[in-house]
Amino acid sequence: MKNPCGKTVSRENAYEVWQSSDGSWTWYCRKKYQVDDTKEYARWLCDVVSPFVPDGETGDTYVKDIIDNAIKIK
């Protein structure tokens, strides 16, 4: 099965956007490395905006860490 989210996109065109319940952290999913996000080590390329990096920082993040701590807003 082809990965429909396999190309890297800009933050404005993120495939998904997740946010912590208090709104202080936001994850912009810019690329998914696999089709099945339920795999143990599934990861995304994300721009992460937080109180520590208000302009955002780009890097790989485990999907489970996002889903366990955030709510999907897009």
PDB file of N, CA and C in Angstrom:
ATOM      1  N   MET A   1       0.837  -1.185   0.000  1.00  0.00           N
ATOM      2  CA  MET A   1       0.000   0.000   0.000  1.00  0.00           C
ATOM      3  C   MET A   1       0.882   1.249   0.000  1.00  0.00           C
ATOM      4  N   LYS A   2       0.593   2.163  -0.876  1.00  0.00           N
ATOM      5  CA  LYS A   2       1.364   3.399  -0.986  1.00  0.00           C
ATOM      6  C   LYS A   2       1.017   4.351   0.167  1.00  0.00           C
ATOM      7  N   ASN A   3       2.010   5.029   0.667  1.00  0.00           N
ATOM      8  CA  ASN A   3       1.836   5.961   1.778  1.00  0.00           C
ATOM      9  C   ASN A   3       1.388   7.325   1.244  1.00  0.00           C
ATOM     10  N   PRO A   4       0.129   7.742   1.498  1.00  0.00           N
ATOM     11  CA  PRO A   4      -0.350   9.028   0.989  1.00  0.00           C
ATOM     12  C   PRO A   4       0.254  10.238   1.716  1.00  0.00           C
ATOM     13  N   CYS A   5       0.914   9.999   2.841  1.00  0.00           N
ATOM     14  CA  CYS A   5       1.525  11.092   3.619  1.00  0.00           C
ATOM     15  C   CYS A   5       3.045  10.980   3.614  1.00  0.00           C
ATOM     16  N   GLY A   6       3.606  10.359   2.584  1.00  0.00           N
ATOM     17  CA  GLY A   6       5.036  10.092   2.522  1.00  0.00           C
ATOM     18  C   GLY A   6       5.895  11.231   2.010  1.00  0.00           C
ATOM     19  N   LYS A   7       5.290  12.275   1.482  1.00  0.00           N
ATOM     20  CA  LYS A   7       6.058  13.431   1.012  1.00  0.00           C
ATOM     21  C   LYS A   7       6.114  14.480   2.108  1.00  0.00           C
ATOM     22  N   THR A   8       7.249  15.149   2.237  1.00  0.00           N
ATOM     23  CA  THR A   8       7.382  16.221   3.220  1.00  0.00           C
ATOM     24  C   THR A   8       6.675  17.469   2.708  1.00  0.00           C
ATOM     25  N   VAL A   9       5.814  18.030   3.561  1.00  0.00           N
ATOM     26  CA  VAL A   9       5.059  19.236   3.220  1.00  0.00           C
ATOM     27  C   VAL A   9       5.432  20.352   4.196  1.00  0.00           C
ATOM     28  N   SER A  10       5.000  21.558   3.897  1.00  0.00           N
ATOM     29  CA  SER A  10       5.272  22.696   4.773  1.00  0.00           C
ATOM     30  C   SER A  10       4.390  22.636   6.023  1.00  0.00           C
ATOM     31  N   ARG A  11       4.729  23.426   7.009  1.00  0.00           N
ATOM     32  CA  ARG A  11       3.934  23.477   8.237  1.00  0.00           C
ATOM     33  C   ARG A  11       2.494  23.886   7.936  1.00  0.00           C
ATOM     34  N   GLU A  12       2.318  24.824   7.021  1.00  0.00           N
ATOM     35  CA  GLU A  12       0.979  25.308   6.663  1.00  0.00           C
ATOM     36  C   GLU A  12       0.116  24.212   6.039  1.00  0.00           C
ATOM     37  N   ASN A  13       0.751  23.231   5.396  1.00  0.00           N
ATOM     38  CA  ASN A  13       0.027  22.139   4.732  1.00  0.00           C
ATOM     39  C   ASN A  13       0.161  20.817   5.494  1.00  0.00           C
ATOM     40  N   ALA A  14       0.405  20.875   6.774  1.00  0.00           N
ATOM     41  CA  ALA A  14       0.630  19.671   7.580  1.00  0.00           C
ATOM     42  C   ALA A  14      -0.505  18.667   7.409  1.00  0.00           C
ATOM     43  N   TYR A  15      -0.134  17.381   7.401  1.00  0.00           N
ATOM     44  CA  TYR A  15      -1.132  16.323   7.254  1.00  0.00           C
ATOM     45  C   TYR A  15      -2.059  16.279   8.463  1.00  0.00           C
ATOM     46  N   GLU A  16      -1.496  16.460   9.646  1.00  0.00           N
ATOM     47  CA  GLU A  16      -2.279  16.476  10.880  1.00  0.00           C
ATOM     48  C   GLU A  16      -1.662  17.507  11.817  1.00  0.00           C
ATOM     49  N   VAL A  17      -2.488  18.045  12.706  1.00  0.00           N
ATOM     50  CA  VAL A  17      -2.009  18.965  13.737  1.00  0.00           C
ATOM     51  C   VAL A  17      -2.556  18.473  15.069  1.00  0.00           C
ATOM     52  N   TRP A  18      -1.681  18.317  16.038  1.00  0.00           N
ATOM     53  CA  TRP A  18      -2.045  17.854  17.372  1.00  0.00           C
ATOM     54  C   TRP A  18      -1.623  18.917  18.383  1.00  0.00           C
ATOM     55  N   GLN A  19      -2.402  19.042  19.468  1.00  0.00           N
ATOM     56  CA  GLN A  19      -2.091  20.062  20.463  1.00  0.00           C
ATOM     57  C   GLN A  19      -2.333  19.504  21.866  1.00  0.00           C
ATOM     58  N   SER A  20      -1.473  19.894  22.810  1.00  0.00           N
ATOM     59  CA  SER A  20      -1.660  19.483  24.203  1.00  0.00           C
ATOM     60  C   SER A  20      -2.937  20.115  24.738  1.00  0.00           C
ATOM     61  N   SER A  21      -3.478  19.547  25.787  1.00  0.00           N
ATOM     62  CA  SER A  21      -4.765  20.020  26.314  1.00  0.00           C
ATOM     63  C   SER A  21      -4.701  21.468  26.792  1.00  0.00           C
ATOM     64  N   ASP A  22      -3.530  21.923  27.241  1.00  0.00           N
ATOM     65  CA  ASP A  22      -3.408  23.320  27.684  1.00  0.00           C
ATOM     66  C   ASP A  22      -2.978  24.256  26.556  1.00  0.00           C
ATOM     67  N   GLY A  23      -2.746  23.707  25.353  1.00  0.00           N
ATOM     68  CA  GLY A  23      -2.398  24.524  24.191  1.00  0.00           C
ATOM     69  C   GLY A  23      -0.958  24.995  24.134  1.00  0.00           C
ATOM     70  N   SER A  24      -0.132  24.536  25.054  1.00  0.00           N
ATOM     71  CA  SER A  24       1.248  25.025  25.079  1.00  0.00           C
ATOM     72  C   SER A  24       2.172  24.290  24.103  1.00  0.00           C
ATOM     73  N   TRP A  25       1.798  23.096  23.681  1.00  0.00           N
ATOM     74  CA  TRP A  25       2.578  22.310  22.719  1.00  0.00           C
ATOM     75  C   TRP A  25       1.720  22.039  21.493  1.00  0.00           C
ATOM     76  N   THR A  26       2.321  22.164  20.299  1.00  0.00           N
ATOM     77  CA  THR A  26       1.627  21.852  19.052  1.00  0.00           C
ATOM     78  C   THR A  26       2.576  21.069  18.148  1.00  0.00           C
ATOM     79  N   TRP A  27       2.078  19.962  17.600  1.00  0.00           N
ATOM     80  CA  TRP A  27       2.840  19.128  16.678  1.00  0.00           C
ATOM     81  C   TRP A  27       2.213  19.233  15.296  1.00  0.00           C
ATOM     82  N   TYR A  28       2.972  19.672  14.310  1.00  0.00           N
ATOM     83  CA  TYR A  28       2.527  19.736  12.915  1.00  0.00           C
ATOM     84  C   TYR A  28       3.177  18.563  12.191  1.00  0.00           C
ATOM     85  N   CYS A  29       2.369  17.565  11.822  1.00  0.00           N
ATOM     86  CA  CYS A  29       2.894  16.381  11.138  1.00  0.00           C
ATOM     87  C   CYS A  29       3.160  16.723   9.677  1.00  0.00           C
ATOM     88  N   ARG A  30       4.443  16.734   9.316  1.00  0.00           N
ATOM     89  CA  ARG A  30       4.830  17.110   7.954  1.00  0.00           C
ATOM     90  C   ARG A  30       5.121  15.911   7.059  1.00  0.00           C
ATOM     91  N   LYS A  31       5.329  14.728   7.677  1.00  0.00           N
ATOM     92  CA  LYS A  31       5.587  13.512   6.903  1.00  0.00           C
ATOM     93  C   LYS A  31       5.365  12.313   7.810  1.00  0.00           C
ATOM     94  N   LYS A  32       4.754  11.261   7.237  1.00  0.00           N
ATOM     95  CA  LYS A  32       4.590  10.003   7.956  1.00  0.00           C
ATOM     96  C   LYS A  32       5.476   8.972   7.272  1.00  0.00           C
ATOM     97  N   TYR A  33       6.299   8.287   8.049  1.00  0.00           N
ATOM     98  CA  TYR A  33       7.239   7.333   7.477  1.00  0.00           C
ATOM     99  C   TYR A  33       6.617   5.978   7.163  1.00  0.00           C
ATOM    100  N   GLN A  34       5.406   5.712   7.671  1.00  0.00           N
ATOM    101  CA  GLN A  34       4.739   4.448   7.441  1.00  0.00           C
ATOM    102  C   GLN A  34       3.239   4.687   7.341  1.00  0.00           C
ATOM    103  N   VAL A  35       2.522   3.700   6.821  1.00  0.00           N
ATOM    104  CA  VAL A  35       1.075   3.815   6.667  1.00  0.00           C
ATOM    105  C   VAL A  35       0.376   3.535   7.992  1.00  0.00           C
ATOM    106  N   ASP A  36       0.873   2.568   8.748  1.00  0.00           N
ATOM    107  CA  ASP A  36       0.243   2.126   9.997  1.00  0.00           C
ATOM    108  C   ASP A  36       0.831   2.881  11.195  1.00  0.00           C
ATOM    109  N   ASP A  37       0.068   3.840  11.721  1.00  0.00           N
ATOM    110  CA  ASP A  37       0.538   4.640  12.861  1.00  0.00           C
ATOM    111  C   ASP A  37       0.462   3.899  14.189  1.00  0.00           C
ATOM    112  N   THR A  38      -0.107   2.686  14.199  1.00  0.00           N
ATOM    113  CA  THR A  38      -0.231   1.942  15.451  1.00  0.00           C
ATOM    114  C   THR A  38       0.984   1.063  15.741  1.00  0.00           C
ATOM    115  N   LYS A  39       1.935   0.995  14.830  1.00  0.00           N
ATOM    116  CA  LYS A  39       3.143   0.203  15.073  1.00  0.00           C
ATOM    117  C   LYS A  39       3.919   0.806  16.241  1.00  0.00           C
ATOM    118  N   GLU A  40       4.630  -0.053  16.959  1.00  0.00           N
ATOM    119  CA  GLU A  40       5.304   0.362  18.194  1.00  0.00           C
ATOM    120  C   GLU A  40       6.264   1.534  17.994  1.00  0.00           C
ATOM    121  N   TYR A  41       7.045   1.509  16.948  1.00  0.00           N
ATOM    122  CA  TYR A  41       8.025   2.571  16.719  1.00  0.00           C
ATOM    123  C   TYR A  41       7.676   3.458  15.528  1.00  0.00           C
ATOM    124  N   ALA A  42       6.399   3.612  15.248  1.00  0.00           N
ATOM    125  CA  ALA A  42       5.956   4.494  14.166  1.00  0.00           C
ATOM    126  C   ALA A  42       6.411   5.917  14.482  1.00  0.00           C
ATOM    127  N   ARG A  43       6.836   6.639  13.436  1.00  0.00           N
ATOM    128  CA  ARG A  43       7.323   8.007  13.679  1.00  0.00           C
ATOM    129  C   ARG A  43       6.866   8.941  12.577  1.00  0.00           C
ATOM    130  N   TRP A  44       6.836  10.217  12.936  1.00  0.00           N
ATOM    131  CA  TRP A  44       6.477  11.292  12.017  1.00  0.00           C
ATOM    132  C   TRP A  44       7.579  12.340  12.031  1.00  0.00           C
ATOM    133  N   LEU A  45       7.704  13.062  10.921  1.00  0.00           N
ATOM    134  CA  LEU A  45       8.526  14.266  10.885  1.00  0.00           C
ATOM    135  C   LEU A  45       7.596  15.407  11.283  1.00  0.00           C
ATOM    136  N   CYS A  46       7.938  16.108  12.358  1.00  0.00           N
ATOM    137  CA  CYS A  46       7.049  17.148  12.882  1.00  0.00           C
ATOM    138  C   CYS A  46       7.783  18.460  13.110  1.00  0.00           C
ATOM    139  N   ASP A  47       7.041  19.539  12.987  1.00  0.00           N
ATOM    140  CA  ASP A  47       7.451  20.828  13.538  1.00  0.00           C
ATOM    141  C   ASP A  47       6.766  20.895  14.892  1.00  0.00           C
ATOM    142  N   VAL A  48       7.547  21.103  15.942  1.00  0.00           N
ATOM    143  CA  VAL A  48       6.995  21.136  17.292  1.00  0.00           C
ATOM    144  C   VAL A  48       7.179  22.534  17.866  1.00  0.00           C
ATOM    145  N   VAL A  49       6.064  23.140  18.258  1.00  0.00           N
ATOM    146  CA  VAL A  49       6.077  24.455  18.893  1.00  0.00           C
ATOM    147  C   VAL A  49       5.784  24.225  20.375  1.00  0.00           C
ATOM    148  N   SER A  50       6.657  24.765  21.233  1.00  0.00           N
ATOM    149  CA  SER A  50       6.511  24.562  22.672  1.00  0.00           C
ATOM    150  C   SER A  50       6.958  25.824  23.417  1.00  0.00           C
ATOM    151  N   PRO A  51       6.754  25.859  24.738  1.00  0.00           N
ATOM    152  CA  PRO A  51       7.246  27.014  25.501  1.00  0.00           C
ATOM    153  C   PRO A  51       8.769  27.151  25.422  1.00  0.00           C
ATOM    154  N   PHE A  52       9.464  26.043  25.158  1.00  0.00           N
ATOM    155  CA  PHE A  52      10.921  26.063  25.078  1.00  0.00           C
ATOM    156  C   PHE A  52      11.424  26.534  23.717  1.00  0.00           C
ATOM    157  N   VAL A  53      10.641  26.279  22.665  1.00  0.00           N
ATOM    158  CA  VAL A  53      10.998  26.661  21.296  1.00  0.00           C
ATOM    159  C   VAL A  53       9.764  27.286  20.644  1.00  0.00           C
ATOM    160  N   PRO A  54       9.484  28.549  20.954  1.00  0.00           N
ATOM    161  CA  PRO A  54       8.245  29.180  20.465  1.00  0.00           C
ATOM    162  C   PRO A  54       8.155  29.318  18.945  1.00  0.00           C
ATOM    163  N   ASP A  55       9.286  29.323  18.242  1.00  0.00           N
ATOM    164  CA  ASP A  55       9.272  29.403  16.784  1.00  0.00           C
ATOM    165  C   ASP A  55       9.174  28.033  16.136  1.00  0.00           C
ATOM    166  N   GLY A  56       9.324  26.982  16.925  1.00  0.00           N
ATOM    167  CA  GLY A  56       9.223  25.621  16.428  1.00  0.00           C
ATOM    168  C   GLY A  56      10.568  25.002  16.114  1.00  0.00           C
ATOM    169  N   GLU A  57      10.578  23.688  16.156  1.00  0.00           N
ATOM    170  CA  GLU A  57      11.768  22.903  15.857  1.00  0.00           C
ATOM    171  C   GLU A  57      11.321  21.675  15.087  1.00  0.00           C
ATOM    172  N   THR A  58      12.082  21.270  14.074  1.00  0.00           N
ATOM    173  CA  THR A  58      11.713  20.147  13.223  1.00  0.00           C
ATOM    174  C   THR A  58      12.526  18.916  13.595  1.00  0.00           C
ATOM    175  N   GLY A  59      11.839  17.763  13.658  1.00  0.00           N
ATOM    176  CA  GLY A  59      12.526  16.513  13.934  1.00  0.00           C
ATOM    177  C   GLY A  59      11.567  15.347  13.943  1.00  0.00           C
ATOM    178  N   ASP A  60      12.131  14.135  14.024  1.00  0.00           N
ATOM    179  CA  ASP A  60      11.317  12.921  14.089  1.00  0.00           C
ATOM    180  C   ASP A  60      10.765  12.754  15.500  1.00  0.00           C
ATOM    181  N   THR A  61       9.524  12.290  15.566  1.00  0.00           N
ATOM    182  CA  THR A  61       8.848  12.086  16.838  1.00  0.00           C
ATOM    183  C   THR A  61       8.077  10.774  16.778  1.00  0.00           C
ATOM    184  N   TYR A  62       8.106  10.008  17.861  1.00  0.00           N
ATOM    185  CA  TYR A  62       7.306   8.795  17.916  1.00  0.00           C
ATOM    186  C   TYR A  62       5.827   9.160  17.989  1.00  0.00           C
ATOM    187  N   VAL A  63       5.028   8.501  17.173  1.00  0.00           N
ATOM    188  CA  VAL A  63       3.596   8.781  17.090  1.00  0.00           C
ATOM    189  C   VAL A  63       2.935   8.567  18.452  1.00  0.00           C
ATOM    190  N   LYS A  64       3.310   7.514  19.145  1.00  0.00           N
ATOM    191  CA  LYS A  64       2.712   7.203  20.445  1.00  0.00           C
ATOM    192  C   LYS A  64       2.896   8.348  21.436  1.00  0.00           C
ATOM    193  N   ASP A  65       4.053   9.021  21.410  1.00  0.00           N
ATOM    194  CA  ASP A  65       4.293  10.149  22.318  1.00  0.00           C
ATOM    195  C   ASP A  65       3.336  11.305  22.041  1.00  0.00           C
ATOM    196  N   ILE A  66       2.984  11.495  20.802  1.00  0.00           N
ATOM    197  CA  ILE A  66       2.044  12.570  20.446  1.00  0.00           C
ATOM    198  C   ILE A  66       0.624  12.177  20.834  1.00  0.00           C
ATOM    199  N   ILE A  67       0.197  11.008  20.397  1.00  0.00           N
ATOM    200  CA  ILE A  67      -1.189  10.572  20.624  1.00  0.00           C
ATOM    201  C   ILE A  67      -1.510  10.454  22.114  1.00  0.00           C
ATOM    202  N   ASP A  68      -0.538  10.036  22.921  1.00  0.00           N
ATOM    203  CA  ASP A  68      -0.765   9.893  24.363  1.00  0.00           C
ATOM    204  C   ASP A  68      -0.866  11.228  25.095  1.00  0.00           C
ATOM    205  N   ASN A  69      -0.375  12.308  24.487  1.00  0.00           N
ATOM    206  CA  ASN A  69      -0.286  13.583  25.190  1.00  0.00           C
ATOM    207  C   ASN A  69      -0.991  14.746  24.514  1.00  0.00           C
ATOM    208  N   ALA A  70      -1.721  14.464  23.437  1.00  0.00           N
ATOM    209  CA  ALA A  70      -2.318  15.573  22.676  1.00  0.00           C
ATOM    210  C   ALA A  70      -3.663  15.187  22.087  1.00  0.00           C
ATOM    211  N   ILE A  71      -4.337  16.191  21.566  1.00  0.00           N
ATOM    212  CA  ILE A  71      -5.638  16.044  20.919  1.00  0.00           C
ATOM    213  C   ILE A  71      -5.484  16.494  19.474  1.00  0.00           C
ATOM    214  N   LYS A  72      -6.031  15.722  18.553  1.00  0.00           N
ATOM    215  CA  LYS A  72      -5.953  16.071  17.135  1.00  0.00           C
ATOM    216  C   LYS A  72      -6.879  17.243  16.853  1.00  0.00           C
ATOM    217  N   ILE A  73      -6.325  18.330  16.284  1.00  0.00           N
ATOM    218  CA  ILE A  73      -7.134  19.503  15.971  1.00  0.00           C
ATOM    219  C   ILE A  73      -7.306  19.710  14.469  1.00  0.00           C
ATOM    220  N   LYS A  74      -6.566  18.956  13.667  1.00  0.00           N
ATOM    221  CA  LYS A  74      -6.721  19.011  12.206  1.00  0.00           C
ATOM    222  C   LYS A  74      -6.379  17.664  11.614  1.00  0.00           C
TER     223      LYS A  74
END
